[in-house]
Amino acid sequence: MKKVFQTIVDNGHGNCMQAAVASLFNCELEEVPNFIEYKDGWFKPLYEFLTPRGYCYDGMLHNKNHSTLMNPTHDCFNEVKWSKKHIITKTKLCYEEGVNGYYLASVLSPKYFNWQTAITATHAVIIDIDYNIVHDPNLAYQEILQYPLADILGYNGIIDVFLINPVSK
């Protein structure tokens, strides 16, 4: 994996996902779309980037603890049904190939996290099969000790894992 660093650090407008995907695929930053520019339409440019490289997006794994923390009263009045298929577990990544054994994930932003913006203040990182963060595309975070709420969330503070896998033949 080639470590590529983001060039835009701005709450809600940074290019950490672009840099993380470039790192996964050993590309230059400019070869990867800046997904944040597409707002909610980020999936199409991701798909168009992955497909010619022989990869596909197979959904996401979610950290249940994050969901409960960000919306605690929802669980008080509603029976929450989670698809086991989409929940982060200790061994879940054993069943996913990823990109050369690495995975795109999100954490709460160390710089922009606060309770009022907790749901949207996320940051893209690269992890290994054991949920260890092996690359953070923000150069300022190279010596980070832990991500916001990591002790409460578990999994090193990872809130989502993007399942990007080789296309089965």
N, C-alpha and C. Protein backbone atom coordinates (compact mmCIF):
# COMPACT_ATOMS: atom_id res chain seq x y z
N MET A 1 0.84 -1.18 0.00
CA MET A 1 0.00 0.00 0.00
C MET A 1 0.88 1.24 0.00
N LYS A 2 0.55 2.14 -0.89
CA LYS A 2 1.25 3.42 -0.99
C LYS A 2 0.52 4.43 -0.11
N LYS A 3 1.22 5.06 0.79
CA LYS A 3 0.59 6.03 1.68
C LYS A 3 0.44 7.38 0.99
N VAL A 4 -0.81 7.73 0.70
CA VAL A 4 -1.15 8.99 0.07
C VAL A 4 -1.83 9.86 1.13
N PHE A 5 -1.50 11.14 1.15
CA PHE A 5 -2.05 12.03 2.16
C PHE A 5 -3.01 13.04 1.55
N GLN A 6 -4.02 13.39 2.32
CA GLN A 6 -5.01 14.35 1.84
C GLN A 6 -4.40 15.73 1.71
N THR A 7 -4.96 16.50 0.80
CA THR A 7 -4.47 17.86 0.55
C THR A 7 -5.48 18.91 1.02
N ILE A 8 -6.70 18.46 1.33
CA ILE A 8 -7.74 19.37 1.81
C ILE A 8 -8.22 18.87 3.17
N VAL A 9 -8.02 19.68 4.19
CA VAL A 9 -8.50 19.35 5.54
C VAL A 9 -9.50 20.44 5.91
N ASP A 10 -10.78 20.10 5.81
CA ASP A 10 -11.84 21.07 6.05
C ASP A 10 -13.08 20.30 6.49
N ASN A 11 -13.71 20.70 7.55
CA ASN A 11 -14.86 19.99 8.09
C ASN A 11 -15.96 19.83 7.03
N GLY A 12 -16.21 18.59 6.65
CA GLY A 12 -17.24 18.29 5.67
C GLY A 12 -16.82 18.49 4.23
N HIS A 13 -15.60 18.93 3.99
CA HIS A 13 -15.16 19.19 2.61
C HIS A 13 -13.76 18.66 2.33
N GLY A 14 -13.19 17.90 3.25
CA GLY A 14 -11.84 17.38 3.06
C GLY A 14 -11.80 16.24 2.05
N ASN A 15 -10.60 15.84 1.69
CA ASN A 15 -10.47 14.76 0.70
C ASN A 15 -9.77 13.53 1.29
N CYS A 16 -10.11 13.21 2.52
CA CYS A 16 -9.50 12.03 3.15
C CYS A 16 -9.92 10.73 2.46
N MET A 17 -11.17 10.63 2.02
CA MET A 17 -11.60 9.40 1.33
C MET A 17 -10.86 9.24 0.01
N GLN A 18 -10.69 10.32 -0.70
CA GLN A 18 -9.95 10.29 -1.96
C GLN A 18 -8.53 9.79 -1.71
N ALA A 19 -7.87 10.31 -0.68
CA ALA A 19 -6.50 9.90 -0.35
C ALA A 19 -6.45 8.46 0.13
N ALA A 20 -7.44 8.05 0.91
CA ALA A 20 -7.46 6.66 1.40
C ALA A 20 -7.64 5.67 0.25
N VAL A 21 -8.54 5.97 -0.68
CA VAL A 21 -8.74 5.09 -1.84
C VAL A 21 -7.48 5.07 -2.70
N ALA A 22 -6.86 6.22 -2.90
CA ALA A 22 -5.59 6.26 -3.65
C ALA A 22 -4.55 5.37 -2.97
N SER A 23 -4.50 5.41 -1.65
CA SER A 23 -3.55 4.57 -0.90
C SER A 23 -3.85 3.10 -1.13
N LEU A 24 -5.12 2.71 -1.03
CA LEU A 24 -5.50 1.31 -1.22
C LEU A 24 -5.07 0.78 -2.58
N PHE A 25 -5.23 1.61 -3.60
CA PHE A 25 -4.97 1.16 -4.97
C PHE A 25 -3.62 1.62 -5.52
N ASN A 26 -2.75 2.10 -4.65
CA ASN A 26 -1.41 2.52 -5.06
C ASN A 26 -1.45 3.53 -6.21
N CYS A 27 -2.34 4.48 -6.10
CA CYS A 27 -2.53 5.51 -7.15
C CYS A 27 -2.05 6.86 -6.64
N GLU A 28 -1.94 7.77 -7.57
CA GLU A 28 -1.73 9.16 -7.21
C GLU A 28 -3.09 9.75 -6.82
N LEU A 29 -3.09 10.75 -5.98
CA LEU A 29 -4.32 11.37 -5.51
C LEU A 29 -5.19 11.83 -6.69
N GLU A 30 -4.56 12.39 -7.69
CA GLU A 30 -5.29 12.96 -8.84
C GLU A 30 -5.98 11.88 -9.69
N GLU A 31 -5.61 10.63 -9.53
CA GLU A 31 -6.23 9.54 -10.30
C GLU A 31 -7.56 9.09 -9.71
N VAL A 32 -7.88 9.57 -8.51
CA VAL A 32 -9.07 9.13 -7.79
C VAL A 32 -10.03 10.31 -7.68
N PRO A 33 -11.33 10.07 -7.89
CA PRO A 33 -12.29 11.18 -7.73
C PRO A 33 -12.27 11.72 -6.30
N ASN A 34 -12.53 12.99 -6.15
CA ASN A 34 -12.69 13.57 -4.82
C ASN A 34 -14.15 13.39 -4.43
N PHE A 35 -14.43 12.31 -3.74
CA PHE A 35 -15.80 11.87 -3.46
C PHE A 35 -16.64 12.90 -2.73
N ILE A 36 -16.05 13.72 -1.89
CA ILE A 36 -16.80 14.70 -1.13
C ILE A 36 -17.48 15.72 -2.05
N GLU A 37 -16.92 15.95 -3.21
CA GLU A 37 -17.53 16.89 -4.17
C GLU A 37 -18.87 16.39 -4.68
N TYR A 38 -19.11 15.08 -4.59
CA TYR A 38 -20.34 14.49 -5.12
C TYR A 38 -21.44 14.40 -4.07
N LYS A 39 -21.14 14.83 -2.84
CA LYS A 39 -22.09 14.81 -1.72
C LYS A 39 -22.73 13.42 -1.61
N ASP A 40 -24.05 13.33 -1.65
CA ASP A 40 -24.72 12.03 -1.51
C ASP A 40 -24.57 11.16 -2.76
N GLY A 41 -24.05 11.71 -3.84
CA GLY A 41 -23.87 10.95 -5.07
C GLY A 41 -22.49 10.32 -5.20
N TRP A 42 -21.77 10.09 -4.08
CA TRP A 42 -20.40 9.58 -4.10
C TRP A 42 -20.29 8.15 -4.62
N PHE A 43 -21.39 7.38 -4.56
CA PHE A 43 -21.29 5.98 -4.92
C PHE A 43 -20.96 5.77 -6.41
N LYS A 44 -21.58 6.54 -7.28
CA LYS A 44 -21.34 6.36 -8.72
C LYS A 44 -19.87 6.56 -9.08
N PRO A 45 -19.20 7.65 -8.65
CA PRO A 45 -17.78 7.78 -8.97
C PRO A 45 -16.93 6.68 -8.33
N LEU A 46 -17.33 6.21 -7.14
CA LEU A 46 -16.60 5.10 -6.53
C LEU A 46 -16.74 3.85 -7.39
N TYR A 47 -17.95 3.54 -7.79
CA TYR A 47 -18.21 2.39 -8.66
C TYR A 47 -17.41 2.49 -9.96
N GLU A 48 -17.43 3.67 -10.56
CA GLU A 48 -16.70 3.88 -11.83
C GLU A 48 -15.19 3.77 -11.64
N PHE A 49 -14.69 4.05 -10.45
CA PHE A 49 -13.27 3.89 -10.16
C PHE A 49 -12.94 2.41 -9.93
N LEU A 50 -13.77 1.71 -9.17
CA LEU A 50 -13.49 0.32 -8.80
C LEU A 50 -13.63 -0.67 -9.94
N THR A 51 -14.67 -0.52 -10.74
CA THR A 51 -15.01 -1.51 -11.77
C THR A 51 -13.87 -1.82 -12.73
N PRO A 52 -13.23 -0.84 -13.36
CA PRO A 52 -12.16 -1.18 -14.30
C PRO A 52 -10.93 -1.80 -13.62
N ARG A 53 -10.87 -1.69 -12.31
CA ARG A 53 -9.74 -2.27 -11.56
C ARG A 53 -10.06 -3.67 -11.04
N GLY A 54 -11.25 -4.17 -11.39
CA GLY A 54 -11.64 -5.52 -11.00
C GLY A 54 -12.17 -5.64 -9.58
N TYR A 55 -12.67 -4.54 -9.02
CA TYR A 55 -13.21 -4.54 -7.66
C TYR A 55 -14.65 -4.07 -7.65
N CYS A 56 -15.34 -4.40 -6.58
CA CYS A 56 -16.72 -3.94 -6.41
C CYS A 56 -16.95 -3.52 -4.97
N TYR A 57 -17.97 -2.72 -4.79
CA TYR A 57 -18.39 -2.28 -3.46
C TYR A 57 -19.49 -3.24 -3.01
N ASP A 58 -19.26 -3.93 -1.90
CA ASP A 58 -20.21 -4.94 -1.41
C ASP A 58 -20.98 -4.48 -0.18
N GLY A 59 -21.10 -3.19 0.04
CA GLY A 59 -21.83 -2.68 1.19
C GLY A 59 -20.91 -2.23 2.31
N MET A 60 -21.49 -2.14 3.51
CA MET A 60 -20.73 -1.64 4.66
C MET A 60 -21.00 -2.50 5.88
N LEU A 61 -20.02 -2.47 6.77
CA LEU A 61 -20.20 -3.01 8.11
C LEU A 61 -20.34 -1.81 9.04
N HIS A 62 -21.24 -1.91 10.01
CA HIS A 62 -21.51 -0.78 10.91
C HIS A 62 -21.23 -1.17 12.36
N ASN A 63 -20.78 -0.20 13.12
CA ASN A 63 -20.52 -0.38 14.54
C ASN A 63 -21.81 -0.04 15.30
N LYS A 64 -22.45 -1.05 15.89
CA LYS A 64 -23.70 -0.85 16.62
C LYS A 64 -23.54 0.14 17.76
N ASN A 65 -22.39 0.14 18.41
CA ASN A 65 -22.17 1.05 19.53
C ASN A 65 -22.25 2.51 19.09
N HIS A 66 -21.75 2.79 17.91
CA HIS A 66 -21.82 4.16 17.38
C HIS A 66 -23.27 4.58 17.18
N SER A 67 -24.05 3.71 16.59
CA SER A 67 -25.45 4.03 16.34
C SER A 67 -26.20 4.30 17.64
N THR A 68 -25.97 3.49 18.64
CA THR A 68 -26.63 3.67 19.93
C THR A 68 -26.20 4.97 20.60
N LEU A 69 -24.91 5.28 20.55
CA LEU A 69 -24.42 6.52 21.17
C LEU A 69 -24.96 7.77 20.48
N MET A 70 -25.09 7.73 19.18
CA MET A 70 -25.51 8.91 18.44
C MET A 70 -27.02 9.12 18.49
N ASN A 71 -27.78 8.07 18.80
CA ASN A 71 -29.23 8.19 18.85
C ASN A 71 -29.77 7.31 19.98
N PRO A 72 -29.40 7.61 21.23
CA PRO A 72 -29.71 6.71 22.34
C PRO A 72 -31.19 6.53 22.63
N THR A 73 -32.01 7.53 22.42
CA THR A 73 -33.42 7.38 22.76
C THR A 73 -34.19 6.56 21.72
N HIS A 74 -33.66 6.42 20.54
CA HIS A 74 -34.33 5.62 19.52
C HIS A 74 -34.52 4.19 20.01
N ASP A 75 -33.49 3.63 20.64
CA ASP A 75 -33.56 2.26 21.14
C ASP A 75 -34.54 2.13 22.31
N CYS A 76 -34.87 3.22 22.98
CA CYS A 76 -35.79 3.17 24.11
C CYS A 76 -37.22 2.89 23.67
N PHE A 77 -37.59 3.36 22.49
CA PHE A 77 -38.97 3.26 22.03
C PHE A 77 -39.16 2.39 20.79
N ASN A 78 -38.06 1.92 20.25
CA ASN A 78 -38.13 1.12 19.03
C ASN A 78 -37.30 -0.14 19.17
N GLU A 79 -37.83 -1.22 18.67
CA GLU A 79 -37.05 -2.44 18.63
C GLU A 79 -36.11 -2.33 17.42
N VAL A 80 -34.84 -2.28 17.69
CA VAL A 80 -33.86 -2.12 16.62
C VAL A 80 -33.46 -3.49 16.12
N LYS A 81 -33.65 -3.70 14.84
CA LYS A 81 -33.27 -4.98 14.23
C LYS A 81 -32.09 -4.74 13.31
N TRP A 82 -31.00 -5.38 13.64
CA TRP A 82 -29.79 -5.26 12.85
C TRP A 82 -29.62 -6.52 12.03
N SER A 83 -29.20 -6.35 10.81
CA SER A 83 -28.82 -7.50 9.99
C SER A 83 -27.42 -7.92 10.43
N LYS A 84 -27.29 -9.13 10.94
CA LYS A 84 -25.98 -9.60 11.40
C LYS A 84 -24.93 -9.49 10.30
N LYS A 85 -25.38 -9.57 9.09
CA LYS A 85 -24.47 -9.48 7.94
C LYS A 85 -23.76 -8.13 7.87
N HIS A 86 -24.38 -7.08 8.43
CA HIS A 86 -23.85 -5.73 8.30
C HIS A 86 -23.29 -5.13 9.59
N ILE A 87 -23.02 -5.96 10.57
CA ILE A 87 -22.50 -5.48 11.85
C ILE A 87 -21.02 -5.86 11.97
N ILE A 88 -20.22 -4.91 12.45
CA ILE A 88 -18.81 -5.19 12.72
C ILE A 88 -18.73 -6.20 13.86
N THR A 89 -17.99 -7.26 13.63
CA THR A 89 -17.67 -8.22 14.69
C THR A 89 -16.18 -8.50 14.61
N LYS A 90 -15.66 -9.11 15.64
CA LYS A 90 -14.23 -9.36 15.72
C LYS A 90 -13.69 -10.13 14.51
N THR A 91 -14.47 -11.07 13.99
CA THR A 91 -13.99 -11.92 12.90
C THR A 91 -14.63 -11.63 11.54
N LYS A 92 -15.49 -10.64 11.47
CA LYS A 92 -16.23 -10.39 10.22
C LYS A 92 -15.32 -10.18 9.00
N LEU A 93 -14.21 -9.48 9.17
CA LEU A 93 -13.35 -9.21 8.01
C LEU A 93 -12.61 -10.46 7.52
N CYS A 94 -12.62 -11.53 8.29
CA CYS A 94 -12.00 -12.79 7.84
C CYS A 94 -12.68 -13.32 6.58
N TYR A 95 -13.91 -12.89 6.37
CA TYR A 95 -14.69 -13.37 5.22
C TYR A 95 -14.65 -12.39 4.04
N GLU A 96 -13.88 -11.34 4.17
CA GLU A 96 -13.76 -10.33 3.11
C GLU A 96 -12.31 -10.24 2.65
N GLU A 97 -12.11 -10.14 1.34
CA GLU A 97 -10.74 -10.05 0.82
C GLU A 97 -10.14 -8.66 0.96
N GLY A 98 -10.98 -7.65 0.77
CA GLY A 98 -10.48 -6.29 0.77
C GLY A 98 -9.57 -6.05 -0.42
N VAL A 99 -8.73 -5.07 -0.31
CA VAL A 99 -7.76 -4.72 -1.35
C VAL A 99 -6.39 -5.09 -0.80
N ASN A 100 -5.88 -6.22 -1.25
CA ASN A 100 -4.60 -6.74 -0.74
C ASN A 100 -4.58 -6.83 0.79
N GLY A 101 -5.74 -7.22 1.37
CA GLY A 101 -5.83 -7.39 2.82
C GLY A 101 -6.07 -6.12 3.61
N TYR A 102 -6.35 -5.02 2.93
CA TYR A 102 -6.63 -3.75 3.60
C TYR A 102 -8.06 -3.31 3.28
N TYR A 103 -8.59 -2.45 4.15
CA TYR A 103 -9.99 -2.05 4.04
C TYR A 103 -10.12 -0.55 4.29
N LEU A 104 -11.07 0.05 3.60
CA LEU A 104 -11.41 1.46 3.79
C LEU A 104 -12.40 1.53 4.96
N ALA A 105 -12.15 2.41 5.91
CA ALA A 105 -13.03 2.53 7.07
C ALA A 105 -13.20 4.00 7.44
N SER A 106 -14.15 4.25 8.34
CA SER A 106 -14.32 5.61 8.84
C SER A 106 -14.27 5.61 10.36
N VAL A 107 -13.79 6.71 10.89
CA VAL A 107 -13.69 6.96 12.32
C VAL A 107 -14.28 8.35 12.56
N LEU A 108 -14.48 8.69 13.81
CA LEU A 108 -14.89 10.05 14.13
C LEU A 108 -13.68 10.96 13.94
N SER A 109 -13.89 12.12 13.39
CA SER A 109 -12.79 13.04 13.10
C SER A 109 -12.14 13.56 14.38
N PRO A 110 -10.83 13.33 14.54
CA PRO A 110 -10.15 13.85 15.72
C PRO A 110 -10.20 15.38 15.82
N LYS A 111 -10.19 16.05 14.70
CA LYS A 111 -10.17 17.51 14.69
C LYS A 111 -11.56 18.12 14.83
N TYR A 112 -12.56 17.51 14.20
CA TYR A 112 -13.87 18.14 14.12
C TYR A 112 -14.96 17.47 14.96
N PHE A 113 -14.64 16.42 15.68
CA PHE A 113 -15.66 15.75 16.47
C PHE A 113 -16.13 16.62 17.63
N ASN A 114 -17.44 16.68 17.78
CA ASN A 114 -18.09 17.17 18.99
C ASN A 114 -19.49 16.57 18.98
N TRP A 115 -20.17 16.59 20.09
CA TRP A 115 -21.46 15.90 20.17
C TRP A 115 -22.49 16.44 19.21
N GLN A 116 -22.44 17.72 18.87
CA GLN A 116 -23.43 18.29 17.96
C GLN A 116 -23.23 17.82 16.51
N THR A 117 -22.00 17.51 16.13
CA THR A 117 -21.74 17.11 14.75
C THR A 117 -21.21 15.68 14.66
N ALA A 118 -21.41 14.91 15.70
CA ALA A 118 -20.81 13.58 15.79
C ALA A 118 -21.17 12.67 14.62
N ILE A 119 -22.36 12.75 14.13
CA ILE A 119 -22.77 11.84 13.05
C ILE A 119 -22.07 12.18 11.74
N THR A 120 -21.88 13.46 11.46
CA THR A 120 -21.31 13.85 10.17
C THR A 120 -19.81 14.11 10.19
N ALA A 121 -19.23 14.26 11.35
CA ALA A 121 -17.80 14.57 11.43
C ALA A 121 -17.00 13.27 11.41
N THR A 122 -16.89 12.68 10.22
CA THR A 122 -16.16 11.43 10.08
C THR A 122 -14.90 11.62 9.26
N HIS A 123 -14.04 10.61 9.31
CA HIS A 123 -12.73 10.69 8.67
C HIS A 123 -12.38 9.31 8.12
N ALA A 124 -11.88 9.24 6.90
CA ALA A 124 -11.52 7.97 6.26
C ALA A 124 -10.11 7.54 6.64
N VAL A 125 -9.96 6.23 6.88
CA VAL A 125 -8.67 5.63 7.22
C VAL A 125 -8.57 4.26 6.55
N ILE A 126 -7.39 3.68 6.60
CA ILE A 126 -7.18 2.32 6.09
C ILE A 126 -6.91 1.41 7.29
N ILE A 127 -7.56 0.24 7.29
CA ILE A 127 -7.39 -0.71 8.39
C ILE A 127 -6.95 -2.07 7.85
N ASP A 128 -6.48 -2.91 8.78
CA ASP A 128 -6.17 -4.29 8.41
C ASP A 128 -7.29 -5.21 8.91
N ILE A 129 -7.11 -6.49 8.74
CA ILE A 129 -8.14 -7.48 9.08
C ILE A 129 -8.49 -7.49 10.57
N ASP A 130 -7.60 -6.99 11.41
CA ASP A 130 -7.83 -6.96 12.86
C ASP A 130 -8.33 -5.60 13.35
N TYR A 131 -8.77 -4.75 12.44
CA TYR A 131 -9.29 -3.42 12.75
C TYR A 131 -8.21 -2.48 13.28
N ASN A 132 -6.97 -2.77 12.97
CA ASN A 132 -5.89 -1.85 13.31
C ASN A 132 -5.82 -0.78 12.22
N ILE A 133 -5.72 0.46 12.62
CA ILE A 133 -5.61 1.55 11.64
C ILE A 133 -4.15 1.60 11.20
N VAL A 134 -3.94 1.27 9.92
CA VAL A 134 -2.57 1.17 9.40
C VAL A 134 -2.15 2.40 8.60
N HIS A 135 -3.13 3.22 8.22
CA HIS A 135 -2.79 4.46 7.51
C HIS A 135 -3.90 5.48 7.73
N ASP A 136 -3.51 6.65 8.16
CA ASP A 136 -4.41 7.78 8.27
C ASP A 136 -3.93 8.80 7.24
N PRO A 137 -4.78 9.18 6.29
CA PRO A 137 -4.34 10.09 5.24
C PRO A 137 -4.13 11.54 5.68
N ASN A 138 -4.44 11.86 6.93
CA ASN A 138 -4.16 13.20 7.42
C ASN A 138 -2.77 13.18 8.05
N LEU A 139 -1.86 13.89 7.46
CA LEU A 139 -0.47 13.92 7.92
C LEU A 139 -0.35 14.33 9.39
N ALA A 140 -1.26 15.17 9.85
CA ALA A 140 -1.22 15.63 11.24
C ALA A 140 -1.56 14.52 12.24
N TYR A 141 -2.12 13.41 11.77
CA TYR A 141 -2.54 12.33 12.67
C TYR A 141 -1.57 11.15 12.69
N GLN A 142 -0.39 11.32 12.18
CA GLN A 142 0.55 10.20 12.12
C GLN A 142 0.96 9.68 13.49
N GLU A 143 0.91 10.50 14.50
CA GLU A 143 1.30 10.09 15.85
C GLU A 143 0.09 9.98 16.78
N ILE A 144 -1.10 9.89 16.22
CA ILE A 144 -2.31 9.87 17.04
C ILE A 144 -2.32 8.63 17.95
N LEU A 145 -2.76 8.82 19.16
CA LEU A 145 -2.81 7.73 20.13
C LEU A 145 -4.13 6.97 20.06
N GLN A 146 -5.23 7.71 19.87
CA GLN A 146 -6.52 7.05 19.70
C GLN A 146 -7.52 8.04 19.11
N TYR A 147 -8.55 7.50 18.49
CA TYR A 147 -9.59 8.30 17.84
C TYR A 147 -10.70 8.58 18.85
N PRO A 148 -11.52 9.62 18.60
CA PRO A 148 -12.58 9.95 19.55
C PRO A 148 -13.48 8.76 19.87
N LEU A 149 -13.75 8.59 21.14
CA LEU A 149 -14.65 7.57 21.68
C LEU A 149 -14.19 6.13 21.41
N ALA A 150 -12.94 5.94 21.06
CA ALA A 150 -12.45 4.59 20.73
C ALA A 150 -12.67 3.61 21.88
N ASP A 151 -12.49 4.04 23.11
CA ASP A 151 -12.68 3.14 24.25
C ASP A 151 -14.13 2.71 24.39
N ILE A 152 -15.05 3.57 24.03
CA ILE A 152 -16.48 3.26 24.14
C ILE A 152 -16.97 2.47 22.93
N LEU A 153 -16.52 2.87 21.74
CA LEU A 153 -16.98 2.23 20.52
C LEU A 153 -16.35 0.86 20.28
N GLY A 154 -15.13 0.68 20.76
CA GLY A 154 -14.39 -0.54 20.44
C GLY A 154 -13.85 -0.46 19.03
N TYR A 155 -13.20 -1.50 18.59
CA TYR A 155 -12.66 -1.59 17.22
C TYR A 155 -11.81 -0.38 16.85
N ASN A 156 -11.03 0.12 17.79
CA ASN A 156 -10.15 1.28 17.57
C ASN A 156 -10.90 2.54 17.15
N GLY A 157 -12.17 2.61 17.47
CA GLY A 157 -12.97 3.78 17.13
C GLY A 157 -13.58 3.73 15.74
N ILE A 158 -13.45 2.60 15.06
CA ILE A 158 -13.99 2.47 13.70
C ILE A 158 -15.51 2.43 13.77
N ILE A 159 -16.16 3.25 12.94
CA ILE A 159 -17.62 3.28 12.94
C ILE A 159 -18.23 2.56 11.73
N ASP A 160 -17.51 2.53 10.63
CA ASP A 160 -17.98 1.83 9.43
C ASP A 160 -16.80 1.25 8.68
N VAL A 161 -17.02 0.15 7.99
CA VAL A 161 -16.02 -0.42 7.09
C VAL A 161 -16.68 -0.59 5.72
N PHE A 162 -16.06 -0.03 4.71
CA PHE A 162 -16.53 -0.17 3.34
C PHE A 162 -16.03 -1.52 2.82
N LEU A 163 -16.92 -2.34 2.33
CA LEU A 163 -16.52 -3.65 1.82
C LEU A 163 -16.19 -3.52 0.33
N ILE A 164 -14.93 -3.39 0.05
CA ILE A 164 -14.42 -3.31 -1.32
C ILE A 164 -13.63 -4.58 -1.56
N ASN A 165 -14.11 -5.38 -2.48
CA ASN A 165 -13.54 -6.70 -2.73
C ASN A 165 -13.30 -6.93 -4.21
N PRO A 166 -12.39 -7.85 -4.54
CA PRO A 166 -12.23 -8.22 -5.95
C PRO A 166 -13.53 -8.82 -6.48
N VAL A 167 -13.81 -8.59 -7.74
CA VAL A 167 -14.99 -9.19 -8.38
C VAL A 167 -14.73 -10.68 -8.50
N SER A 168 -15.68 -11.47 -8.05
CA SER A 168 -15.55 -12.93 -8.16
C SER A 168 -15.64 -13.36 -9.61
N LYS A 169 -14.81 -14.32 -9.94
CA LYS A 169 -14.81 -14.79 -11.33
C LYS A 169 -15.50 -16.12 -11.41
